[in-house]
Amino acid sequence: MLDLIQEHGSFHAYLRSLDHLDYYSRVKVLTRPFAGLGRTSAFVFLHCVNEETPAWQDR
């Protein structure tokens, strides 16, 4: 997390750097640096921070 913040200035800025990606690519990128974050956790996280996510049954 500290490396991402150092590189992008904040975690919010890191998330904004992923704006050009579609949902599925964003999940793939997010699950790489965070070992405990899987597809479902990534969906819940993105949904909770008001990022665009597909309907639960469509993910």
N, C-alpha and C. Protein backbone atom coordinates (compact mmCIF):
# COMPACT_ATOMS: atom_id res chain seq x y z
N MET A 1 0.83 -1.18 0.00
CA MET A 1 0.00 0.00 0.00
C MET A 1 0.88 1.25 0.00
N LEU A 2 1.92 1.24 0.82
CA LEU A 2 2.81 2.40 0.87
C LEU A 2 3.49 2.65 -0.47
N ASP A 3 3.86 1.58 -1.17
CA ASP A 3 4.48 1.74 -2.49
C ASP A 3 3.50 2.39 -3.48
N LEU A 4 2.24 1.96 -3.43
CA LEU A 4 1.23 2.56 -4.32
C LEU A 4 1.02 4.03 -4.00
N ILE A 5 0.98 4.35 -2.72
CA ILE A 5 0.79 5.74 -2.31
C ILE A 5 2.00 6.58 -2.71
N GLN A 6 3.19 6.03 -2.53
CA GLN A 6 4.40 6.76 -2.91
C GLN A 6 4.42 7.00 -4.43
N GLU A 7 4.02 6.02 -5.19
CA GLU A 7 4.05 6.14 -6.65
C GLU A 7 2.97 7.07 -7.18
N HIS A 8 1.77 7.03 -6.59
CA HIS A 8 0.63 7.77 -7.14
C HIS A 8 0.22 8.99 -6.31
N GLY A 9 0.76 9.11 -5.10
CA GLY A 9 0.41 10.25 -4.25
C GLY A 9 -0.67 9.94 -3.23
N SER A 10 -1.58 9.03 -3.58
CA SER A 10 -2.64 8.59 -2.67
C SER A 10 -3.27 7.33 -3.25
N PHE A 11 -4.01 6.62 -2.42
CA PHE A 11 -4.71 5.44 -2.93
C PHE A 11 -5.82 5.86 -3.88
N HIS A 12 -6.44 6.99 -3.59
CA HIS A 12 -7.48 7.52 -4.48
C HIS A 12 -6.90 7.79 -5.87
N ALA A 13 -5.72 8.39 -5.93
CA ALA A 13 -5.07 8.65 -7.21
C ALA A 13 -4.74 7.34 -7.93
N TYR A 14 -4.36 6.32 -7.18
CA TYR A 14 -4.12 5.00 -7.77
C TYR A 14 -5.39 4.47 -8.41
N LEU A 15 -6.51 4.56 -7.69
CA LEU A 15 -7.78 4.11 -8.26
C LEU A 15 -8.13 4.90 -9.52
N ARG A 16 -7.88 6.20 -9.50
CA ARG A 16 -8.17 7.03 -10.67
C ARG A 16 -7.29 6.63 -11.85
N SER A 17 -6.09 6.12 -11.57
CA SER A 17 -5.21 5.69 -12.66
C SER A 17 -5.75 4.46 -13.37
N LEU A 18 -6.74 3.80 -12.77
CA LEU A 18 -7.35 2.62 -13.37
C LEU A 18 -8.63 2.95 -14.11
N ASP A 19 -9.01 4.21 -14.17
CA ASP A 19 -10.27 4.62 -14.79
C ASP A 19 -10.40 4.21 -16.25
N HIS A 20 -9.30 4.11 -16.95
CA HIS A 20 -9.37 3.77 -18.38
C HIS A 20 -9.67 2.29 -18.61
N LEU A 21 -9.62 1.48 -17.55
CA LEU A 21 -9.83 0.04 -17.68
C LEU A 21 -11.31 -0.31 -17.49
N ASP A 22 -11.74 -1.37 -18.16
CA ASP A 22 -13.08 -1.86 -17.89
C ASP A 22 -13.08 -2.58 -16.54
N TYR A 23 -14.25 -2.93 -16.05
CA TYR A 23 -14.37 -3.53 -14.71
C TYR A 23 -13.50 -4.77 -14.56
N TYR A 24 -13.54 -5.67 -15.52
CA TYR A 24 -12.82 -6.94 -15.39
C TYR A 24 -11.31 -6.75 -15.39
N SER A 25 -10.82 -5.82 -16.19
CA SER A 25 -9.39 -5.51 -16.19
C SER A 25 -9.00 -4.85 -14.88
N ARG A 26 -9.85 -3.99 -14.36
CA ARG A 26 -9.58 -3.31 -13.09
C ARG A 26 -9.48 -4.33 -11.95
N VAL A 27 -10.37 -5.31 -11.93
CA VAL A 27 -10.32 -6.36 -10.90
C VAL A 27 -9.02 -7.14 -11.03
N LYS A 28 -8.61 -7.47 -12.25
CA LYS A 28 -7.37 -8.22 -12.45
C LYS A 28 -6.17 -7.43 -11.92
N VAL A 29 -6.14 -6.12 -12.18
CA VAL A 29 -5.05 -5.28 -11.71
C VAL A 29 -5.08 -5.15 -10.19
N LEU A 30 -6.26 -5.00 -9.61
CA LEU A 30 -6.37 -4.84 -8.16
C LEU A 30 -6.00 -6.09 -7.39
N THR A 31 -6.28 -7.26 -7.94
CA THR A 31 -5.99 -8.49 -7.20
C THR A 31 -4.52 -8.88 -7.24
N ARG A 32 -3.74 -8.27 -8.12
CA ARG A 32 -2.31 -8.60 -8.19
C ARG A 32 -1.54 -8.18 -6.93
N PRO A 33 -1.56 -6.90 -6.54
CA PRO A 33 -0.71 -6.49 -5.41
C PRO A 33 -1.27 -6.85 -4.03
N PHE A 34 -2.53 -7.23 -3.96
CA PHE A 34 -3.14 -7.53 -2.67
C PHE A 34 -3.47 -9.02 -2.61
N ALA A 35 -2.63 -9.78 -1.91
CA ALA A 35 -2.72 -11.24 -1.89
C ALA A 35 -4.07 -11.76 -1.42
N GLY A 36 -4.70 -11.10 -0.46
CA GLY A 36 -5.96 -11.59 0.08
C GLY A 36 -7.19 -11.11 -0.67
N LEU A 37 -6.99 -10.36 -1.73
CA LEU A 37 -8.11 -9.79 -2.47
C LEU A 37 -8.42 -10.67 -3.68
N GLY A 38 -9.59 -11.28 -3.65
CA GLY A 38 -10.03 -12.09 -4.78
C GLY A 38 -11.06 -11.33 -5.59
N ARG A 39 -11.66 -12.01 -6.56
CA ARG A 39 -12.63 -11.36 -7.43
C ARG A 39 -13.84 -10.83 -6.67
N THR A 40 -14.37 -11.62 -5.73
CA THR A 40 -15.55 -11.19 -4.98
C THR A 40 -15.20 -10.03 -4.06
N SER A 41 -14.07 -10.10 -3.39
CA SER A 41 -13.64 -9.01 -2.51
C SER A 41 -13.40 -7.73 -3.30
N ALA A 42 -12.83 -7.87 -4.49
CA ALA A 42 -12.61 -6.70 -5.34
C ALA A 42 -13.94 -6.08 -5.75
N PHE A 43 -14.92 -6.91 -6.09
CA PHE A 43 -16.25 -6.41 -6.43
C PHE A 43 -16.84 -5.63 -5.27
N VAL A 44 -16.81 -6.23 -4.07
CA VAL A 44 -17.37 -5.58 -2.88
C VAL A 44 -16.64 -4.27 -2.60
N PHE A 45 -15.32 -4.28 -2.67
CA PHE A 45 -14.56 -3.06 -2.44
C PHE A 45 -14.95 -1.96 -3.42
N LEU A 46 -14.94 -2.29 -4.71
CA LEU A 46 -15.26 -1.28 -5.73
C LEU A 46 -16.70 -0.77 -5.55
N HIS A 47 -17.60 -1.66 -5.24
CA HIS A 47 -18.99 -1.25 -5.01
C HIS A 47 -19.08 -0.31 -3.80
N CYS A 48 -18.38 -0.63 -2.72
CA CYS A 48 -18.43 0.18 -1.49
C CYS A 48 -17.82 1.56 -1.66
N VAL A 49 -16.87 1.71 -2.58
CA VAL A 49 -16.26 3.03 -2.80
C VAL A 49 -16.89 3.73 -4.00
N ASN A 50 -18.07 3.27 -4.38
CA ASN A 50 -18.89 3.89 -5.43
C ASN A 50 -18.24 3.89 -6.81
N GLU A 51 -17.46 2.86 -7.07
CA GLU A 51 -16.93 2.68 -8.43
C GLU A 51 -17.98 1.94 -9.25
N GLU A 52 -17.91 2.06 -10.55
CA GLU A 52 -18.87 1.38 -11.41
C GLU A 52 -18.62 -0.12 -11.38
N THR A 53 -19.66 -0.89 -11.07
CA THR A 53 -19.57 -2.34 -11.03
C THR A 53 -20.78 -2.92 -11.75
N PRO A 54 -20.63 -4.12 -12.28
CA PRO A 54 -21.79 -4.77 -12.89
C PRO A 54 -22.75 -5.26 -11.81
N ALA A 55 -23.93 -5.64 -12.20
CA ALA A 55 -24.87 -6.24 -11.24
C ALA A 55 -24.23 -7.49 -10.65
N TRP A 56 -24.57 -7.80 -9.41
CA TRP A 56 -23.97 -8.93 -8.70
C TRP A 56 -24.00 -10.20 -9.55
N GLN A 57 -25.13 -10.52 -10.14
CA GLN A 57 -25.25 -11.78 -10.90
C GLN A 57 -24.51 -11.73 -12.24
N ASP A 58 -24.11 -10.55 -12.70
CA ASP A 58 -23.41 -10.41 -13.97
C ASP A 58 -21.90 -10.39 -13.84
N ARG A 59 -21.40 -10.35 -12.64
CA ARG A 59 -19.96 -10.19 -12.46
C ARG A 59 -19.26 -11.45 -12.76
